[in-house]
PDB file of all heavy atoms in Angstrom:
ATOM      1  N   ASN A   1      64.363  40.641 136.614  1.00  0.00           N
ATOM      2  CA  ASN A   1      63.925  39.293 135.947  1.00  0.00           C
ATOM      3  C   ASN A   1      65.101  38.687 135.175  1.00  0.00           C
ATOM      4  O   ASN A   1      64.862  38.105 134.200  1.00  0.00           O
ATOM      5  CB  ASN A   1      62.727  39.479 135.094  1.00  0.00           C
ATOM      6  CG  ASN A   1      61.573  40.225 135.810  1.00  0.00           C
ATOM      7  OD1 ASN A   1      61.555  40.205 137.063  1.00  0.00           O
ATOM      8  ND2 ASN A   1      60.686  40.770 135.066  1.00  0.00           N
ATOM      9  N   GLY A   2      66.302  38.789 135.696  1.00  0.00           N
ATOM     10  CA  GLY A   2      67.382  38.189 134.962  1.00  0.00           C
ATOM     11  C   GLY A   2      67.620  38.822 133.706  1.00  0.00           C
ATOM     12  O   GLY A   2      67.847  38.120 132.670  1.00  0.00           O
ATOM     13  N   TYR A   3      67.610  40.149 133.597  1.00  0.00           N
ATOM     14  CA  TYR A   3      67.749  40.932 132.343  1.00  0.00           C
ATOM     15  C   TYR A   3      66.818  40.536 131.300  1.00  0.00           C
ATOM     16  O   TYR A   3      67.200  40.191 130.180  1.00  0.00           O
ATOM     17  CB  TYR A   3      69.239  40.765 131.942  1.00  0.00           C
ATOM     18  CG  TYR A   3      70.147  41.510 132.752  1.00  0.00           C
ATOM     19  CD1 TYR A   3      70.928  40.768 133.684  1.00  0.00           C
ATOM     20  CD2 TYR A   3      70.265  42.871 132.799  1.00  0.00           C
ATOM     21  CE1 TYR A   3      71.858  41.463 134.525  1.00  0.00           C
ATOM     22  CE2 TYR A   3      71.084  43.570 133.714  1.00  0.00           C
ATOM     23  CZ  TYR A   3      71.875  42.855 134.531  1.00  0.00           C
ATOM     24  OH  TYR A   3      72.771  43.426 135.425  1.00  0.00           O
ATOM     25  N   THR A   4      65.501  40.542 131.591  1.00  0.00           N
ATOM     26  CA  THR A   4      64.514  40.368 130.584  1.00  0.00           C
ATOM     27  C   THR A   4      64.632  41.356 129.464  1.00  0.00           C
ATOM     28  O   THR A   4      64.660  42.582 129.821  1.00  0.00           O
ATOM     29  CB  THR A   4      63.108  40.431 131.298  1.00  0.00           C
ATOM     30  OG1 THR A   4      63.015  39.466 132.243  1.00  0.00           O
ATOM     31  CG2 THR A   4      62.021  40.236 130.206  1.00  0.00           C
ATOM     32  N   GLN A   5      64.592  41.017 128.264  1.00  0.00           N
ATOM     33  CA  GLN A   5      64.663  41.959 127.142  1.00  0.00           C
ATOM     34  C   GLN A   5      63.263  42.287 126.615  1.00  0.00           C
ATOM     35  O   GLN A   5      62.479  41.396 126.330  1.00  0.00           O
ATOM     36  CB  GLN A   5      65.458  41.288 125.981  1.00  0.00           C
ATOM     37  CG  GLN A   5      66.875  40.975 126.359  1.00  0.00           C
ATOM     38  CD  GLN A   5      67.628  40.364 125.158  1.00  0.00           C
ATOM     39  OE1 GLN A   5      67.368  40.702 123.978  1.00  0.00           O
ATOM     40  NE2 GLN A   5      68.606  39.587 125.423  1.00  0.00           N
ATOM     41  N   VAL A   6      63.006  43.614 126.635  1.00  0.00           N
ATOM     42  CA  VAL A   6      61.675  44.043 126.161  1.00  0.00           C
ATOM     43  C   VAL A   6      61.911  45.190 125.189  1.00  0.00           C
ATOM     44  O   VAL A   6      62.667  46.145 125.405  1.00  0.00           O
ATOM     45  CB  VAL A   6      60.952  44.714 127.399  1.00  0.00           C
ATOM     46  CG1 VAL A   6      59.597  45.233 126.926  1.00  0.00           C
ATOM     47  CG2 VAL A   6      60.719  43.613 128.420  1.00  0.00           C
ATOM     48  N   PRO A   7      61.275  45.049 123.933  1.00  0.00           N
ATOM     49  CA  PRO A   7      61.450  46.129 122.955  1.00  0.00           C
ATOM     50  C   PRO A   7      60.632  47.343 123.301  1.00  0.00           C
ATOM     51  O   PRO A   7      59.481  47.248 123.751  1.00  0.00           O
ATOM     52  CB  PRO A   7      60.878  45.482 121.655  1.00  0.00           C
ATOM     53  CG  PRO A   7      60.009  44.410 122.147  1.00  0.00           C
ATOM     54  CD  PRO A   7      60.528  43.913 123.460  1.00  0.00           C
ATOM     55  N   VAL A   8      61.275  48.574 123.258  1.00  0.00           N
ATOM     56  CA  VAL A   8      60.530  49.796 123.589  1.00  0.00           C
ATOM     57  C   VAL A   8      60.924  50.880 122.484  1.00  0.00           C
ATOM     58  O   VAL A   8      62.010  50.798 121.859  1.00  0.00           O
ATOM     59  CB  VAL A   8      60.975  50.300 124.976  1.00  0.00           C
ATOM     60  CG1 VAL A   8      60.454  49.406 126.070  1.00  0.00           C
ATOM     61  CG2 VAL A   8      62.503  50.489 125.104  1.00  0.00           C
ATOM     62  N   THR A   9      60.041  51.802 122.350  1.00  0.00           N
ATOM     63  CA  THR A   9      60.242  52.958 121.435  1.00  0.00           C
ATOM     64  C   THR A   9      60.295  54.283 122.220  1.00  0.00           C
ATOM     65  O   THR A   9      60.691  55.305 121.649  1.00  0.00           O
ATOM     66  CB  THR A   9      59.316  53.059 120.334  1.00  0.00           C
ATOM     67  OG1 THR A   9      57.998  53.107 120.940  1.00  0.00           O
ATOM     68  CG2 THR A   9      59.367  51.850 119.474  1.00  0.00           C
ATOM     69  N   SER A  10      59.796  54.268 123.540  1.00  0.00           N
ATOM     70  CA  SER A  10      59.730  55.553 124.205  1.00  0.00           C
ATOM     71  C   SER A  10      59.669  55.198 125.756  1.00  0.00           C
ATOM     72  O   SER A  10      59.571  54.117 126.186  1.00  0.00           O
ATOM     73  CB  SER A  10      58.401  56.310 123.913  1.00  0.00           C
ATOM     74  OG  SER A  10      57.266  55.523 124.466  1.00  0.00           O
ATOM     75  N   LEU A  11      59.862  56.264 126.481  1.00  0.00           N
ATOM     76  CA  LEU A  11      59.823  56.033 127.964  1.00  0.00           C
ATOM     77  C   LEU A  11      58.493  55.640 128.421  1.00  0.00           C
ATOM     78  O   LEU A  11      58.365  54.827 129.388  1.00  0.00           O
ATOM     79  CB  LEU A  11      60.206  57.424 128.688  1.00  0.00           C
ATOM     80  CG  LEU A  11      61.576  57.901 128.483  1.00  0.00           C
ATOM     81  CD1 LEU A  11      61.844  59.250 129.129  1.00  0.00           C
ATOM     82  CD2 LEU A  11      62.713  56.940 128.880  1.00  0.00           C
ATOM     83  N   ASN A  12      57.408  56.041 127.771  1.00  0.00           N
ATOM     84  CA  ASN A  12      56.063  55.603 128.123  1.00  0.00           C
ATOM     85  C   ASN A  12      55.916  54.152 127.922  1.00  0.00           C
ATOM     86  O   ASN A  12      55.207  53.511 128.661  1.00  0.00           O
ATOM     87  CB  ASN A  12      55.066  56.353 127.264  1.00  0.00           C
ATOM     88  CG  ASN A  12      53.624  56.206 127.813  1.00  0.00           C
ATOM     89  OD1 ASN A  12      53.467  56.407 128.989  1.00  0.00           O
ATOM     90  ND2 ASN A  12      52.762  55.936 126.946  1.00  0.00           N
ATOM     91  N   ASP A  13      56.542  53.510 126.900  1.00  0.00           N
ATOM     92  CA  ASP A  13      56.563  52.037 126.768  1.00  0.00           C
ATOM     93  C   ASP A  13      57.108  51.311 127.977  1.00  0.00           C
ATOM     94  O   ASP A  13      56.588  50.314 128.402  1.00  0.00           O
ATOM     95  CB  ASP A  13      57.452  51.690 125.544  1.00  0.00           C
ATOM     96  CG  ASP A  13      56.855  51.962 124.276  1.00  0.00           C
ATOM     97  OD1 ASP A  13      55.637  52.406 124.189  1.00  0.00           O
ATOM     98  OD2 ASP A  13      57.488  51.878 123.190  1.00  0.00           O
ATOM     99  N   ILE A  14      58.141  51.958 128.665  1.00  0.00           N
ATOM    100  CA  ILE A  14      58.723  51.387 129.776  1.00  0.00           C
ATOM    101  C   ILE A  14      57.726  51.370 130.922  1.00  0.00           C
ATOM    102  O   ILE A  14      57.495  50.373 131.688  1.00  0.00           O
ATOM    103  CB  ILE A  14      60.051  52.092 130.274  1.00  0.00           C
ATOM    104  CG1 ILE A  14      61.116  51.885 129.154  1.00  0.00           C
ATOM    105  CG2 ILE A  14      60.548  51.617 131.534  1.00  0.00           C
ATOM    106  CD1 ILE A  14      62.326  52.736 129.294  1.00  0.00           C
ATOM    107  N   ILE A  15      57.149  52.515 131.141  1.00  0.00           N
ATOM    108  CA  ILE A  15      56.109  52.739 132.212  1.00  0.00           C
ATOM    109  C   ILE A  15      54.922  51.732 131.978  1.00  0.00           C
ATOM    110  O   ILE A  15      54.453  51.093 132.868  1.00  0.00           O
ATOM    111  CB  ILE A  15      55.579  54.128 132.266  1.00  0.00           C
ATOM    112  CG1 ILE A  15      56.800  55.070 132.717  1.00  0.00           C
ATOM    113  CG2 ILE A  15      54.360  54.342 133.172  1.00  0.00           C
ATOM    114  CD1 ILE A  15      56.398  56.610 132.702  1.00  0.00           C
ATOM    115  N   GLN A  16      54.426  51.602 130.641  1.00  0.00           N
ATOM    116  CA  GLN A  16      53.318  50.731 130.396  1.00  0.00           C
ATOM    117  C   GLN A  16      53.699  49.237 130.638  1.00  0.00           C
ATOM    118  O   GLN A  16      52.939  48.398 131.171  1.00  0.00           O
ATOM    119  CB  GLN A  16      52.832  50.920 129.013  1.00  0.00           C
ATOM    120  CG  GLN A  16      52.091  52.225 128.828  1.00  0.00           C
ATOM    121  CD  GLN A  16      51.707  52.337 127.316  1.00  0.00           C
ATOM    122  OE1 GLN A  16      51.896  51.568 126.482  1.00  0.00           O
ATOM    123  NE2 GLN A  16      50.996  53.523 127.092  1.00  0.00           N
ATOM    124  N   TYR A  17      54.928  48.874 130.252  1.00  0.00           N
ATOM    125  CA  TYR A  17      55.313  47.484 130.433  1.00  0.00           C
ATOM    126  C   TYR A  17      55.459  47.134 131.985  1.00  0.00           C
ATOM    127  O   TYR A  17      55.037  46.116 132.435  1.00  0.00           O
ATOM    128  CB  TYR A  17      56.741  47.209 129.878  1.00  0.00           C
ATOM    129  CG  TYR A  17      57.303  45.870 130.223  1.00  0.00           C
ATOM    130  CD1 TYR A  17      56.888  44.726 129.592  1.00  0.00           C
ATOM    131  CD2 TYR A  17      58.245  45.766 131.248  1.00  0.00           C
ATOM    132  CE1 TYR A  17      57.316  43.462 130.069  1.00  0.00           C
ATOM    133  CE2 TYR A  17      58.775  44.535 131.586  1.00  0.00           C
ATOM    134  CZ  TYR A  17      58.268  43.403 131.023  1.00  0.00           C
ATOM    135  OH  TYR A  17      58.718  42.155 131.391  1.00  0.00           O
ATOM    136  N   CYS A  18      56.007  48.089 132.765  1.00  0.00           N
ATOM    137  CA  CYS A  18      56.136  47.918 134.205  1.00  0.00           C
ATOM    138  C   CYS A  18      54.720  47.750 134.901  1.00  0.00           C
ATOM    139  O   CYS A  18      54.454  47.012 135.773  1.00  0.00           O
ATOM    140  CB  CYS A  18      56.880  48.990 134.839  1.00  0.00           C
ATOM    141  SG  CYS A  18      58.688  48.925 134.504  1.00  0.00           S
ATOM    142  N   ALA A  19      53.768  48.612 134.322  1.00  0.00           N
ATOM    143  CA  ALA A  19      52.392  48.472 134.926  1.00  0.00           C
ATOM    144  C   ALA A  19      51.753  47.060 134.615  1.00  0.00           C
ATOM    145  O   ALA A  19      51.086  46.503 135.478  1.00  0.00           O
ATOM    146  CB  ALA A  19      51.533  49.597 134.240  1.00  0.00           C
ATOM    147  N   ARG A  20      52.094  46.556 133.486  1.00  0.00           N
ATOM    148  CA  ARG A  20      51.549  45.268 133.075  1.00  0.00           C
ATOM    149  C   ARG A  20      52.097  44.151 133.928  1.00  0.00           C
ATOM    150  O   ARG A  20      51.417  43.126 134.197  1.00  0.00           O
ATOM    151  CB  ARG A  20      51.850  44.913 131.616  1.00  0.00           C
ATOM    152  CG  ARG A  20      50.970  45.545 130.670  1.00  0.00           C
ATOM    153  CD  ARG A  20      50.979  44.968 129.275  1.00  0.00           C
ATOM    154  NE  ARG A  20      52.311  44.752 128.680  1.00  0.00           N
ATOM    155  CZ  ARG A  20      52.962  45.694 127.954  1.00  0.00           C
ATOM    156  NH1 ARG A  20      52.326  46.846 127.689  1.00  0.00           N
ATOM    157  NH2 ARG A  20      54.102  45.518 127.424  1.00  0.00           N
ATOM    158  N   ILE A  21      53.364  44.278 134.452  1.00  0.00           N
ATOM    159  CA  ILE A  21      53.927  43.261 135.332  1.00  0.00           C
ATOM    160  C   ILE A  21      53.767  43.619 136.833  1.00  0.00           C
ATOM    161  O   ILE A  21      54.340  43.025 137.721  1.00  0.00           O
ATOM    162  CB  ILE A  21      55.377  42.961 135.021  1.00  0.00           C
ATOM    163  CG1 ILE A  21      56.254  44.208 135.168  1.00  0.00           C
ATOM    164  CG2 ILE A  21      55.513  42.426 133.582  1.00  0.00           C
ATOM    165  CD1 ILE A  21      57.719  43.935 135.098  1.00  0.00           C
ATOM    166  N   GLY A  22      52.902  44.679 137.124  1.00  0.00           N
ATOM    167  CA  GLY A  22      52.574  44.940 138.426  1.00  0.00           C
ATOM    168  C   GLY A  22      53.309  45.978 139.249  1.00  0.00           C
ATOM    169  O   GLY A  22      53.254  46.194 140.398  1.00  0.00           O
ATOM    170  N   HIS A  23      54.112  46.779 138.442  1.00  0.00           N
ATOM    171  CA  HIS A  23      54.897  47.869 139.050  1.00  0.00           C
ATOM    172  C   HIS A  23      54.430  49.153 138.455  1.00  0.00           C
ATOM    173  O   HIS A  23      54.642  49.449 137.305  1.00  0.00           O
ATOM    174  CB  HIS A  23      56.416  47.722 138.848  1.00  0.00           C
ATOM    175  CG  HIS A  23      57.018  46.375 139.288  1.00  0.00           C
ATOM    176  ND1 HIS A  23      57.129  46.093 140.581  1.00  0.00           N
ATOM    177  CD2 HIS A  23      57.359  45.316 138.610  1.00  0.00           C
ATOM    178  CE1 HIS A  23      57.688  44.878 140.795  1.00  0.00           C
ATOM    179  NE2 HIS A  23      57.760  44.358 139.587  1.00  0.00           N
ATOM    180  N   ARG A  24      53.859  49.979 139.335  1.00  0.00           N
ATOM    181  CA  ARG A  24      53.394  51.286 138.901  1.00  0.00           C
ATOM    182  C   ARG A  24      54.442  52.345 139.108  1.00  0.00           C
ATOM    183  O   ARG A  24      54.840  52.670 140.194  1.00  0.00           O
ATOM    184  CB  ARG A  24      52.128  51.661 139.662  1.00  0.00           C
ATOM    185  CG  ARG A  24      51.024  50.640 139.448  1.00  0.00           C
ATOM    186  CD  ARG A  24      49.685  51.044 140.054  1.00  0.00           C
ATOM    187  NE  ARG A  24      49.006  52.185 139.412  1.00  0.00           N
ATOM    188  CZ  ARG A  24      48.455  52.133 138.163  1.00  0.00           C
ATOM    189  NH1 ARG A  24      48.494  50.924 137.516  1.00  0.00           N
ATOM    190  NH2 ARG A  24      47.854  53.156 137.612  1.00  0.00           N
ATOM    191  N   LEU A  25      54.995  52.858 137.970  1.00  0.00           N
ATOM    192  CA  LEU A  25      55.988  53.926 138.021  1.00  0.00           C
ATOM    193  C   LEU A  25      55.354  55.208 137.587  1.00  0.00           C
ATOM    194  O   LEU A  25      54.567  55.268 136.596  1.00  0.00           O
ATOM    195  CB  LEU A  25      57.148  53.492 137.023  1.00  0.00           C
ATOM    196  CG  LEU A  25      57.758  52.188 137.279  1.00  0.00           C
ATOM    197  CD1 LEU A  25      58.875  52.077 136.085  1.00  0.00           C
ATOM    198  CD2 LEU A  25      58.381  52.090 138.571  1.00  0.00           C
ATOM    199  N   SER A  26      55.719  56.283 138.311  1.00  0.00           N
ATOM    200  CA  SER A  26      55.247  57.616 137.910  1.00  0.00           C
ATOM    201  C   SER A  26      56.206  58.310 136.950  1.00  0.00           C
ATOM    202  O   SER A  26      55.718  59.145 136.140  1.00  0.00           O
ATOM    203  CB  SER A  26      55.038  58.487 139.135  1.00  0.00           C
ATOM    204  OG  SER A  26      56.274  58.577 139.848  1.00  0.00           O
ATOM    205  N   ASN A  27      57.455  57.992 137.018  1.00  0.00           N
ATOM    206  CA  ASN A  27      58.370  58.555 136.060  1.00  0.00           C
ATOM    207  C   ASN A  27      59.535  57.636 135.807  1.00  0.00           C
ATOM    208  O   ASN A  27      59.909  56.823 136.592  1.00  0.00           O
ATOM    209  CB  ASN A  27      58.863  59.900 136.527  1.00  0.00           C
ATOM    210  CG  ASN A  27      59.765  59.740 137.787  1.00  0.00           C
ATOM    211  OD1 ASN A  27      59.566  58.922 138.648  1.00  0.00           O
ATOM    212  ND2 ASN A  27      60.844  60.514 137.788  1.00  0.00           N
ATOM    213  N   VAL A  28      60.126  57.826 134.655  1.00  0.00           N
ATOM    214  CA  VAL A  28      61.372  57.023 134.219  1.00  0.00           C
ATOM    215  C   VAL A  28      62.304  58.080 133.633  1.00  0.00           C
ATOM    216  O   VAL A  28      61.842  58.885 132.819  1.00  0.00           O
ATOM    217  CB  VAL A  28      60.979  55.896 133.259  1.00  0.00           C
ATOM    218  CG1 VAL A  28      62.183  55.270 132.766  1.00  0.00           C
ATOM    219  CG2 VAL A  28      60.094  54.952 133.954  1.00  0.00           C
ATOM    220  N   GLU A  29      63.641  57.893 133.842  1.00  0.00           N
ATOM    221  CA  GLU A  29      64.595  58.726 133.166  1.00  0.00           C
ATOM    222  C   GLU A  29      65.717  57.822 132.703  1.00  0.00           C
ATOM    223  O   GLU A  29      65.935  56.767 133.203  1.00  0.00           O
ATOM    224  CB  GLU A  29      65.207  59.732 134.201  1.00  0.00           C
ATOM    225  CG  GLU A  29      64.192  60.720 134.654  1.00  0.00           C
ATOM    226  CD  GLU A  29      64.946  61.740 135.704  1.00  0.00           C
ATOM    227  OE1 GLU A  29      66.174  61.768 135.727  1.00  0.00           O
ATOM    228  OE2 GLU A  29      64.175  62.406 136.385  1.00  0.00           O
ATOM    229  N   ILE A  30      66.382  58.298 131.631  1.00  0.00           N
ATOM    230  CA  ILE A  30      67.505  57.528 131.131  1.00  0.00           C
ATOM    231  C   ILE A  30      68.802  58.445 131.517  1.00  0.00           C
ATOM    232  O   ILE A  30      68.788  59.602 131.264  1.00  0.00           O
ATOM    233  CB  ILE A  30      67.453  57.426 129.600  1.00  0.00           C
ATOM    234  CG1 ILE A  30      66.169  56.726 129.190  1.00  0.00           C
ATOM    235  CG2 ILE A  30      68.629  56.662 129.057  1.00  0.00           C
ATOM    236  CD1 ILE A  30      65.939  55.333 129.657  1.00  0.00           C
ATOM    237  N   ASP A  31      69.750  57.810 132.085  1.00  0.00           N
ATOM    238  CA  ASP A  31      70.961  58.554 132.498  1.00  0.00           C
ATOM    239  C   ASP A  31      72.192  57.764 131.948  1.00  0.00           C
ATOM    240  O   ASP A  31      72.260  56.528 132.305  1.00  0.00           O
ATOM    241  CB  ASP A  31      71.028  58.690 133.992  1.00  0.00           C
ATOM    242  CG  ASP A  31      72.120  59.579 134.446  1.00  0.00           C
ATOM    243  OD1 ASP A  31      72.598  60.399 133.496  1.00  0.00           O
ATOM    244  OD2 ASP A  31      72.420  59.623 135.562  1.00  0.00           O
ATOM    245  N   TYR A  32      73.130  58.348 131.310  1.00  0.00           N
ATOM    246  CA  TYR A  32      74.287  57.720 130.771  1.00  0.00           C
ATOM    247  C   TYR A  32      75.326  57.708 131.953  1.00  0.00           C
ATOM    248  O   TYR A  32      75.854  58.680 132.375  1.00  0.00           O
ATOM    249  CB  TYR A  32      74.835  58.407 129.543  1.00  0.00           C
ATOM    250  CG  TYR A  32      75.946  57.767 128.874  1.00  0.00           C
ATOM    251  CD1 TYR A  32      75.713  56.616 128.136  1.00  0.00           C
ATOM    252  CD2 TYR A  32      77.328  58.119 128.990  1.00  0.00           C
ATOM    253  CE1 TYR A  32      76.713  55.959 127.482  1.00  0.00           C
ATOM    254  CE2 TYR A  32      78.360  57.551 128.379  1.00  0.00           C
ATOM    255  CZ  TYR A  32      78.050  56.397 127.636  1.00  0.00           C
ATOM    256  OH  TYR A  32      79.007  55.729 127.012  1.00  0.00           O
ATOM    257  N   ARG A  33      75.679  56.476 132.327  1.00  0.00           N
ATOM    258  CA  ARG A  33      76.697  56.331 133.469  1.00  0.00           C
ATOM    259  C   ARG A  33      77.560  55.009 133.145  1.00  0.00           C
ATOM    260  O   ARG A  33      76.969  53.967 132.782  1.00  0.00           O
ATOM    261  CB  ARG A  33      76.090  56.138 134.745  1.00  0.00           C
ATOM    262  CG  ARG A  33      75.274  57.275 135.322  1.00  0.00           C
ATOM    263  CD  ARG A  33      74.841  57.107 136.724  1.00  0.00           C
ATOM    264  NE  ARG A  33      73.849  58.043 137.102  1.00  0.00           N
ATOM    265  CZ  ARG A  33      73.153  57.971 138.156  1.00  0.00           C
ATOM    266  NH1 ARG A  33      73.234  57.021 139.023  1.00  0.00           N
ATOM    267  NH2 ARG A  33      72.354  58.914 138.461  1.00  0.00           N
ATOM    268  N   ASN A  34      78.792  55.173 133.326  1.00  0.00           N
ATOM    269  CA  ASN A  34      79.695  54.018 133.145  1.00  0.00           C
ATOM    270  C   ASN A  34      79.541  53.283 131.950  1.00  0.00           C
ATOM    271  O   ASN A  34      79.575  52.045 131.809  1.00  0.00           O
ATOM    272  CB  ASN A  34      79.543  53.024 134.385  1.00  0.00           C
ATOM    273  CG  ASN A  34      79.829  53.675 135.715  1.00  0.00           C
ATOM    274  OD1 ASN A  34      80.682  54.566 135.801  1.00  0.00           O
ATOM    275  ND2 ASN A  34      79.042  53.354 136.746  1.00  0.00           N
ATOM    276  N   GLY A  35      79.318  54.022 130.807  1.00  0.00           N
ATOM    277  CA  GLY A  35      79.211  53.451 129.505  1.00  0.00           C
ATOM    278  C   GLY A  35      77.851  52.765 129.132  1.00  0.00           C
ATOM    279  O   GLY A  35      77.713  52.097 128.154  1.00  0.00           O
ATOM    280  N   LYS A  36      76.880  52.993 130.033  1.00  0.00           N
ATOM    281  CA  LYS A  36      75.510  52.374 129.813  1.00  0.00           C
ATOM    282  C   LYS A  36      74.401  53.388 129.959  1.00  0.00           C
ATOM    283  O   LYS A  36      74.580  54.367 130.726  1.00  0.00           O
ATOM    284  CB  LYS A  36      75.229  51.266 130.725  1.00  0.00           C
ATOM    285  CG  LYS A  36      76.064  50.014 130.467  1.00  0.00           C
ATOM    286  CD  LYS A  36      75.554  48.865 131.386  1.00  0.00           C
ATOM    287  CE  LYS A  36      76.314  47.606 131.125  1.00  0.00           C
ATOM    288  NZ  LYS A  36      75.933  46.505 131.984  1.00  0.00           N
ATOM    289  N   TYR A  37      73.404  53.233 129.238  1.00  0.00           N
ATOM    290  CA  TYR A  37      72.166  54.098 129.388  1.00  0.00           C
ATOM    291  C   TYR A  37      71.276  53.370 130.462  1.00  0.00           C
ATOM    292  O   TYR A  37      70.551  52.475 130.128  1.00  0.00           O
ATOM    293  CB  TYR A  37      71.466  54.213 128.070  1.00  0.00           C
ATOM    294  CG  TYR A  37      72.202  55.076 127.014  1.00  0.00           C
ATOM    295  CD1 TYR A  37      72.962  54.458 126.081  1.00  0.00           C
ATOM    296  CD2 TYR A  37      72.169  56.430 127.059  1.00  0.00           C
ATOM    297  CE1 TYR A  37      73.651  55.089 125.161  1.00  0.00           C
ATOM    298  CE2 TYR A  37      72.899  57.171 126.117  1.00  0.00           C
ATOM    299  CZ  TYR A  37      73.586  56.477 125.135  1.00  0.00           C
ATOM    300  OH  TYR A  37      74.322  57.239 124.213  1.00  0.00           O
ATOM    301  N   LEU A  38      71.364  53.871 131.670  1.00  0.00           N
ATOM    302  CA  LEU A  38      70.627  53.258 132.773  1.00  0.00           C
ATOM    303  C   LEU A  38      69.173  53.786 132.885  1.00  0.00           C
ATOM    304  O   LEU A  38      68.930  54.966 132.550  1.00  0.00           O
ATOM    305  CB  LEU A  38      71.271  53.647 134.074  1.00  0.00           C
ATOM    306  CG  LEU A  38      72.772  53.134 134.251  1.00  0.00           C
ATOM    307  CD1 LEU A  38      73.269  53.547 135.693  1.00  0.00           C
ATOM    308  CD2 LEU A  38      72.922  51.712 133.964  1.00  0.00           C
ATOM    309  N   VAL A  39      68.238  52.950 133.126  1.00  0.00           N
ATOM    310  CA  VAL A  39      66.927  53.320 133.286  1.00  0.00           C
ATOM    311  C   VAL A  39      66.604  53.540 134.765  1.00  0.00           C
ATOM    312  O   VAL A  39      66.734  52.541 135.599  1.00  0.00           O
ATOM    313  CB  VAL A  39      65.967  52.209 132.729  1.00  0.00           C
ATOM    314  CG1 VAL A  39      64.477  52.633 132.865  1.00  0.00           C
ATOM    315  CG2 VAL A  39      66.299  51.904 131.342  1.00  0.00           C
ATOM    316  N   LEU A  40      66.250  54.752 135.122  1.00  0.00           N
ATOM    317  CA  LEU A  40      66.161  55.133 136.504  1.00  0.00           C
ATOM    318  C   LEU A  40      64.635  55.477 136.846  1.00  0.00           C
ATOM    319  O   LEU A  40      64.045  56.096 135.930  1.00  0.00           O
ATOM    320  CB  LEU A  40      67.044  56.295 136.910  1.00  0.00           C
ATOM    321  CG  LEU A  40      68.554  56.078 136.676  1.00  0.00           C
ATOM    322  CD1 LEU A  40      69.214  57.515 136.927  1.00  0.00           C
ATOM    323  CD2 LEU A  40      69.120  55.000 137.467  1.00  0.00           C
TER     324      LEU A  40
END
């Protein structure tokens, strides 16, 4: 969504936000690559 900024405090917040916008995720991981914490 053009780098929409969403405040989160946990991985569960990410899953809940995605569900609200219509994307059901079963798992989310954070991985540090190329100087960024990527959400996978």
